[in-house]
Protein backbone atom coordinates (compact mmCIF):
# COMPACT_ATOMS: atom_id res chain seq x y z
CA MET A 1 54.64 -126.35 97.33
CA LEU A 2 57.42 -127.47 95.01
CA LYS A 3 61.02 -126.84 96.05
CA LYS A 4 61.05 -123.53 94.19
CA SER A 5 62.11 -124.72 90.73
CA LEU A 6 60.45 -127.33 88.50
CA VAL A 7 63.22 -128.95 86.48
CA SER A 8 62.13 -132.59 86.38
CA ILE A 9 58.92 -134.50 86.94
CA ASP A 10 60.75 -136.91 89.25
CA GLN A 11 61.00 -134.19 91.89
CA CYS A 12 57.18 -134.21 92.13
CA THR A 13 55.57 -136.46 94.69
CA LYS A 14 52.13 -137.94 94.12
CA GLU A 15 50.78 -135.21 96.37
CA ASP A 16 52.52 -132.52 94.30
CA ILE A 17 50.97 -133.89 91.12
CA LEU A 18 47.47 -134.10 92.56
CA ARG A 19 47.76 -130.59 94.03
CA ILE A 20 48.93 -129.01 90.78
CA ILE A 21 46.34 -130.70 88.56
CA GLY A 22 43.69 -129.91 91.18
CA ASN A 23 44.68 -126.25 90.95
CA ALA A 24 44.65 -126.51 87.14
CA GLU A 25 41.02 -127.53 87.39
CA LYS A 26 40.32 -124.41 89.44
CA PHE A 27 42.10 -122.23 86.89
CA GLU A 28 40.06 -123.79 84.10
CA ALA A 29 36.92 -122.65 85.93
CA ASN A 30 38.41 -119.17 86.47
CA PRO A 31 41.54 -118.52 84.37
CA ASN A 32 41.64 -114.72 84.77
CA GLN A 33 43.03 -113.90 88.20
CA LYS A 34 45.49 -111.15 89.14
CA LEU A 35 47.72 -113.42 91.20
CA LEU A 36 50.90 -112.27 89.43
CA ASP A 37 50.23 -108.56 89.74
CA GLY A 38 53.64 -106.87 89.99
CA LYS A 39 55.54 -110.04 88.98
CA VAL A 40 57.85 -110.28 85.97
CA VAL A 41 58.34 -113.64 84.26
CA ALA A 42 61.16 -114.26 81.77
CA THR A 43 60.61 -116.79 78.96
CA LEU A 44 63.98 -117.87 77.56
CA PHE A 45 63.46 -120.15 74.57
CA PHE A 46 66.84 -121.19 73.17
CA GLU A 47 64.98 -123.81 71.08
CA PRO A 48 61.87 -123.28 68.91
CA SER A 49 58.45 -123.67 70.48
CA THR A 50 54.86 -122.75 69.69
CA ARG A 51 52.42 -124.31 72.16
CA THR A 52 54.68 -124.33 75.21
CA ARG A 53 55.85 -120.73 74.84
CA LEU A 54 52.45 -119.30 73.91
CA SER A 55 50.59 -121.18 76.64
CA PHE A 56 53.11 -120.07 79.29
CA GLU A 57 52.92 -116.46 78.09
CA THR A 58 49.12 -116.60 77.97
CA ALA A 59 49.10 -118.02 81.50
CA ILE A 60 51.27 -115.12 82.70
CA ASN A 61 49.02 -112.56 81.01
CA ARG A 62 45.82 -114.11 82.35
CA LEU A 63 47.35 -114.04 85.84
CA GLY A 64 48.20 -110.35 85.51
CA GLY A 65 51.98 -110.69 85.26
CA CYS A 66 54.46 -109.17 82.79
CA VAL A 67 56.49 -111.17 80.25
CA ILE A 68 60.04 -110.49 79.10
CA GLY A 69 62.33 -112.77 77.14
CA PHE A 70 63.03 -114.15 73.70
CA SER A 71 61.89 -116.88 71.32
CA ASP A 72 65.04 -117.00 69.19
CA ALA A 73 68.46 -117.36 70.79
CA ALA A 74 70.05 -115.93 67.63
CA THR A 75 68.78 -112.50 68.70
CA THR A 76 70.48 -112.67 72.11
CA SER A 77 74.00 -112.29 73.45
CA SER A 78 74.39 -116.07 73.47
CA SER A 79 75.01 -115.71 69.73
CA LYS A 80 78.01 -113.56 70.69
CA GLY A 81 79.37 -116.27 72.96
CA GLU A 82 77.71 -115.37 76.27
CA THR A 83 77.57 -118.43 78.53
CA LEU A 84 74.31 -119.87 79.85
CA LYS A 85 75.42 -119.01 83.37
CA ASP A 86 75.91 -115.35 82.50
CA THR A 87 72.58 -115.20 80.68
CA ILE A 88 70.73 -116.68 83.65
CA LEU A 89 72.44 -114.41 86.18
CA MET A 90 71.74 -111.36 84.02
CA VAL A 91 68.04 -112.18 83.53
CA SER A 92 67.72 -112.98 87.24
CA ASN A 93 68.25 -109.27 87.88
CA TYR A 94 65.00 -108.47 86.08
CA ALA A 95 62.58 -111.36 86.68
CA ASP A 96 60.84 -113.19 89.52
CA VAL A 97 60.82 -116.54 87.70
CA ILE A 98 62.49 -117.91 84.54
CA ILE A 99 60.82 -120.33 82.13
CA MET A 100 63.47 -121.91 79.92
CA ARG A 101 63.68 -124.26 76.95
CA HIS A 102 67.15 -125.38 75.90
CA HIS A 103 68.58 -127.95 73.50
CA LEU A 104 71.09 -129.27 76.05
CA GLU A 105 70.02 -131.96 78.49
CA GLY A 106 70.46 -130.78 82.08
CA ALA A 107 70.42 -127.09 81.15
CA ALA A 108 67.41 -126.29 83.35
CA ARG A 109 68.91 -128.06 86.36
CA TYR A 110 72.17 -126.16 85.85
CA ALA A 111 70.26 -122.88 85.63
CA SER A 112 68.46 -123.67 88.89
CA GLU A 113 71.84 -124.14 90.58
CA VAL A 114 73.28 -120.75 89.54
CA THR A 115 70.33 -118.51 90.45
CA ASP A 116 68.14 -117.94 93.47
CA ILE A 117 64.93 -117.35 91.51
CA PRO A 118 62.70 -120.26 90.38
CA ILE A 119 63.40 -122.02 87.09
CA ILE A 120 60.66 -123.84 85.18
CA ASN A 121 61.97 -126.35 82.66
CA ALA A 122 60.06 -126.00 79.37
CA GLY A 123 62.09 -128.80 77.79
CA ASP A 124 65.79 -129.66 77.82
CA GLY A 125 66.90 -131.67 74.80
CA ALA A 126 65.59 -135.25 74.84
CA ASN A 127 65.58 -135.25 78.63
CA GLN A 128 62.56 -133.78 80.46
CA HIS A 129 59.41 -131.75 79.81
CA PRO A 130 57.69 -131.62 83.22
CA SER A 131 55.01 -129.04 82.43
CA GLN A 132 53.90 -131.18 79.47
CA THR A 133 53.69 -134.18 81.78
CA LEU A 134 51.52 -132.32 84.26
CA LEU A 135 49.15 -131.13 81.54
CA ASP A 136 49.07 -134.69 80.19
CA LEU A 137 48.16 -136.00 83.64
CA TYR A 138 45.47 -133.34 83.95
CA SER A 139 44.11 -134.34 80.53
CA ILE A 140 44.14 -138.02 81.45
CA ARG A 141 42.28 -137.51 84.72
CA LYS A 142 39.83 -135.15 83.05
CA THR A 143 38.94 -137.66 80.33
CA GLN A 144 39.10 -140.85 82.39
CA GLY A 145 37.85 -139.60 85.75
CA ARG A 146 40.90 -141.20 87.38
CA LEU A 147 44.62 -141.75 87.04
CA ASP A 148 44.88 -145.16 88.70
CA GLY A 149 45.06 -148.47 86.86
CA LEU A 150 45.03 -147.21 83.26
CA THR A 151 46.58 -148.79 80.17
CA VAL A 152 48.68 -146.27 78.27
CA THR A 153 50.05 -147.04 74.80
CA MET A 154 52.95 -144.89 73.58
CA VAL A 155 53.66 -144.86 69.85
CA GLY A 156 56.46 -143.48 67.70
CA ASP A 157 59.70 -141.84 68.78
CA LEU A 158 60.25 -143.34 72.22
CA LYS A 159 64.04 -142.90 72.12
CA TYR A 160 64.21 -139.12 71.86
CA GLY A 161 60.70 -138.27 73.05
CA ARG A 162 61.12 -136.36 76.30
CA THR A 163 57.35 -136.22 76.77
CA VAL A 164 57.01 -140.00 76.99
CA HIS A 165 60.04 -140.31 79.27
CA SER A 166 58.53 -137.79 81.67
CA LEU A 167 55.04 -139.31 81.46
CA ILE A 168 56.36 -142.70 82.57
CA VAL A 169 57.69 -141.08 85.73
CA GLY A 170 54.50 -139.08 86.31
CA MET A 171 52.24 -142.10 85.86
CA SER A 172 54.44 -144.31 88.06
CA HIS A 173 52.45 -143.19 91.12
CA PHE A 174 49.20 -144.57 89.69
CA ASP A 175 49.76 -148.26 88.85
CA PRO A 176 49.76 -148.00 85.03
CA THR A 177 50.27 -150.63 82.35
CA PHE A 178 52.31 -149.47 79.35
CA HIS A 179 52.60 -150.61 75.75
CA PHE A 180 55.70 -149.21 74.01
CA ILE A 181 55.40 -149.26 70.20
CA ALA A 182 58.47 -148.15 68.25
CA PRO A 183 60.86 -149.32 65.54
CA GLU A 184 64.16 -150.74 66.76
CA GLU A 185 65.92 -147.45 65.98
CA LEU A 186 63.54 -145.50 68.24
CA LYS A 187 62.63 -147.96 70.98
CA MET A 188 62.27 -146.94 74.61
CA PRO A 189 65.75 -146.47 76.16
CA ASP A 190 67.01 -148.95 78.75
CA GLU A 191 66.98 -146.23 81.42
CA GLN A 192 63.20 -145.88 81.23
CA LYS A 193 62.67 -149.64 81.15
CA ARG A 194 64.87 -150.05 84.23
CA PHE A 195 62.73 -147.40 85.94
CA CYS A 196 59.61 -149.42 85.15
CA ARG A 197 61.12 -152.62 86.52
CA LEU A 198 62.36 -150.86 89.65
CA HIS A 199 58.86 -149.55 90.33
CA ASP A 200 57.05 -152.78 89.36
CA ILE A 201 55.36 -151.11 86.41
CA ARG A 202 53.99 -153.51 83.81
CA PHE A 203 55.08 -152.88 80.22
CA GLU A 204 55.30 -154.64 76.87
CA GLU A 205 57.36 -153.65 73.83
CA HIS A 206 56.13 -153.95 70.25
CA THR A 207 57.39 -153.04 66.80
CA THR A 208 53.99 -153.32 65.09
CA PHE A 209 51.07 -150.94 65.62
CA THR A 210 47.96 -153.14 65.65
CA GLU A 211 44.29 -152.65 66.36
CA ASP A 212 44.47 -155.43 68.98
CA ILE A 213 46.72 -153.22 71.11
CA ILE A 214 44.57 -150.13 70.50
CA ASN A 215 41.49 -152.08 71.61
CA GLU A 216 42.91 -152.73 75.08
CA THR A 217 44.11 -149.15 75.57
CA ASP A 218 42.68 -146.29 77.64
CA ILE A 219 45.14 -143.58 76.55
CA LEU A 220 46.79 -143.71 73.13
CA TYR A 221 49.78 -141.36 73.23
CA MET A 222 51.07 -140.63 69.72
CA THR A 223 54.40 -138.91 69.08
CA ARG A 224 56.12 -137.59 65.98
CA VAL A 225 59.50 -138.77 64.80
CA GLN A 226 61.68 -135.77 65.66
CA ARG A 227 63.88 -134.82 62.72
CA GLU A 228 65.85 -132.36 64.85
CA ARG A 229 67.15 -135.21 67.06
CA PHE A 230 68.66 -137.15 64.14
CA THR A 231 72.25 -136.76 62.97
CA ASP A 232 71.60 -139.18 60.08
CA LEU A 233 68.77 -137.85 57.88
CA VAL A 234 68.71 -141.11 55.89
CA GLU A 235 67.73 -142.89 59.09
CA TYR A 236 65.06 -140.25 59.72
CA GLU A 237 63.55 -140.71 56.25
CA ARG A 238 63.39 -144.46 56.83
CA VAL A 239 61.37 -144.28 60.06
CA LYS A 240 59.42 -141.00 59.86
CA ASN A 241 56.17 -142.56 58.57
CA VAL A 242 56.44 -145.98 60.16
CA TYR A 243 53.24 -145.62 62.25
CA ILE A 244 50.15 -143.74 61.12
CA LEU A 245 46.91 -143.74 63.12
CA ARG A 246 43.87 -143.81 60.86
CA ASN A 247 40.24 -143.41 61.86
CA ARG A 248 39.22 -146.93 60.84
CA MET A 249 41.74 -148.33 63.35
CA LEU A 250 39.55 -146.98 66.17
CA ASP A 251 36.35 -148.84 65.17
CA ASN A 252 36.53 -151.40 67.98
CA SER A 253 38.37 -149.33 70.57
CA ARG A 254 37.09 -148.69 74.09
CA ASP A 255 34.48 -145.99 74.55
CA ASN A 256 36.74 -144.21 77.03
CA LEU A 257 39.80 -144.24 74.74
CA ARG A 258 41.33 -140.82 74.22
CA ILE A 259 44.12 -139.96 71.80
CA LEU A 260 46.81 -137.60 73.07
CA HIS A 261 49.72 -136.02 71.23
CA PRO A 262 52.17 -133.36 72.54
CA LEU A 263 52.10 -131.74 69.06
CA PRO A 264 53.17 -130.69 66.54
CA ARG A 265 52.09 -133.67 64.47
CA VAL A 266 53.53 -134.47 61.08
CA ASN A 267 52.04 -137.61 59.48
CA GLU A 268 51.49 -139.88 62.48
CA ILE A 269 47.79 -139.01 62.94
CA ALA A 270 45.70 -138.90 59.77
CA TYR A 271 43.39 -135.92 59.45
CA ASP A 272 40.34 -138.16 59.36
CA VAL A 273 40.95 -138.87 63.06
CA ASP A 274 40.37 -135.22 64.01
CA ASP A 275 36.58 -135.49 63.89
CA ASN A 276 36.49 -138.63 66.00
CA PRO A 277 35.26 -137.82 69.55
CA LYS A 278 38.16 -139.89 70.89
CA ALA A 279 40.66 -137.38 69.49
CA TYR A 280 41.72 -135.13 72.35
CA TYR A 281 45.04 -133.56 71.31
CA PHE A 282 43.77 -130.04 70.67
CA GLN A 283 41.86 -129.98 73.97
CA GLN A 284 45.03 -131.37 75.56
CA ALA A 285 46.95 -128.34 74.29
CA ARG A 286 44.29 -126.04 75.74
CA ASN A 287 44.71 -127.75 79.11
CA GLY A 288 48.32 -126.59 79.03
CA LEU A 289 47.19 -123.05 79.80
CA PHE A 290 45.47 -123.98 83.06
CA THR A 291 48.19 -126.39 84.14
CA ARG A 292 50.92 -123.82 83.52
CA GLU A 293 49.00 -121.23 85.51
CA ALA A 294 49.04 -123.72 88.37
CA ILE A 295 52.76 -124.45 87.96
CA ILE A 296 53.80 -120.78 87.93
CA CYS A 297 51.82 -120.07 91.08
CA ASP A 298 53.19 -123.21 92.75
CA VAL A 299 56.87 -122.38 92.25
CA LEU A 300 56.23 -118.82 93.47
CA GLY A 301 54.36 -120.04 96.54
CA ILE A 302 51.14 -118.30 95.55
CA ASN A 303 47.94 -119.99 96.67
């Protein structure tokens, strides 16, 4: 089992990853189980969310647990000046596990240090999104039949995109090759590139999004340019539509290619891609339910 809380994907060993996505497969076959009967789960979303919050809350309901919490921090005592520590300690009186999204990097780790109940990080700023990574890994194995030796191309906002940062760490156990495609303003940070070099992970950086790269790719991971991470909206307007995947760009791609996206999308995937059998982003979102069922049970030590 995990060490109680899940705050970062780098705390997961290869065995942890394979166990959790193996359990996700079991939950997909049988999602309605009363494993959380009598348990209360708090969902504290200090930052907006649709898929992550709803899939976690659906997972709790399908497992027979009860949900408390909020989806808008403006309705809570934090708007009155209550500290994060006090909020966590207060909610810990009522819940068996806390699922938290926060705009500050490191907030989930801090929360895990001030309470004795498990914390699940549902995203902390531009830092980590471990449950997204685990559902991505489940989606990759489900579509490819394996995790080892794949070529993964990441496109778009690689500077602020916590999902791609976490996925690099998650895939590091499985001998990947990466292509990083981003404009100079949004290129992969040095920290992630150092991680790749330290772990002998092959990667190439590009500023152009070409069919030649797509044609040697197994997993095409598209990301949106995140307006909420920009302090300069002029810069955002300049780069927001720099890469757009269109259906015709997939004509000569590999049969096994699958297109992933953490969603929401803006303009980076044209709607004509949706009907292509290689588009997998909506099924990917559905996989989040089963993976998050597995994560909740894992941090609570429920088999």
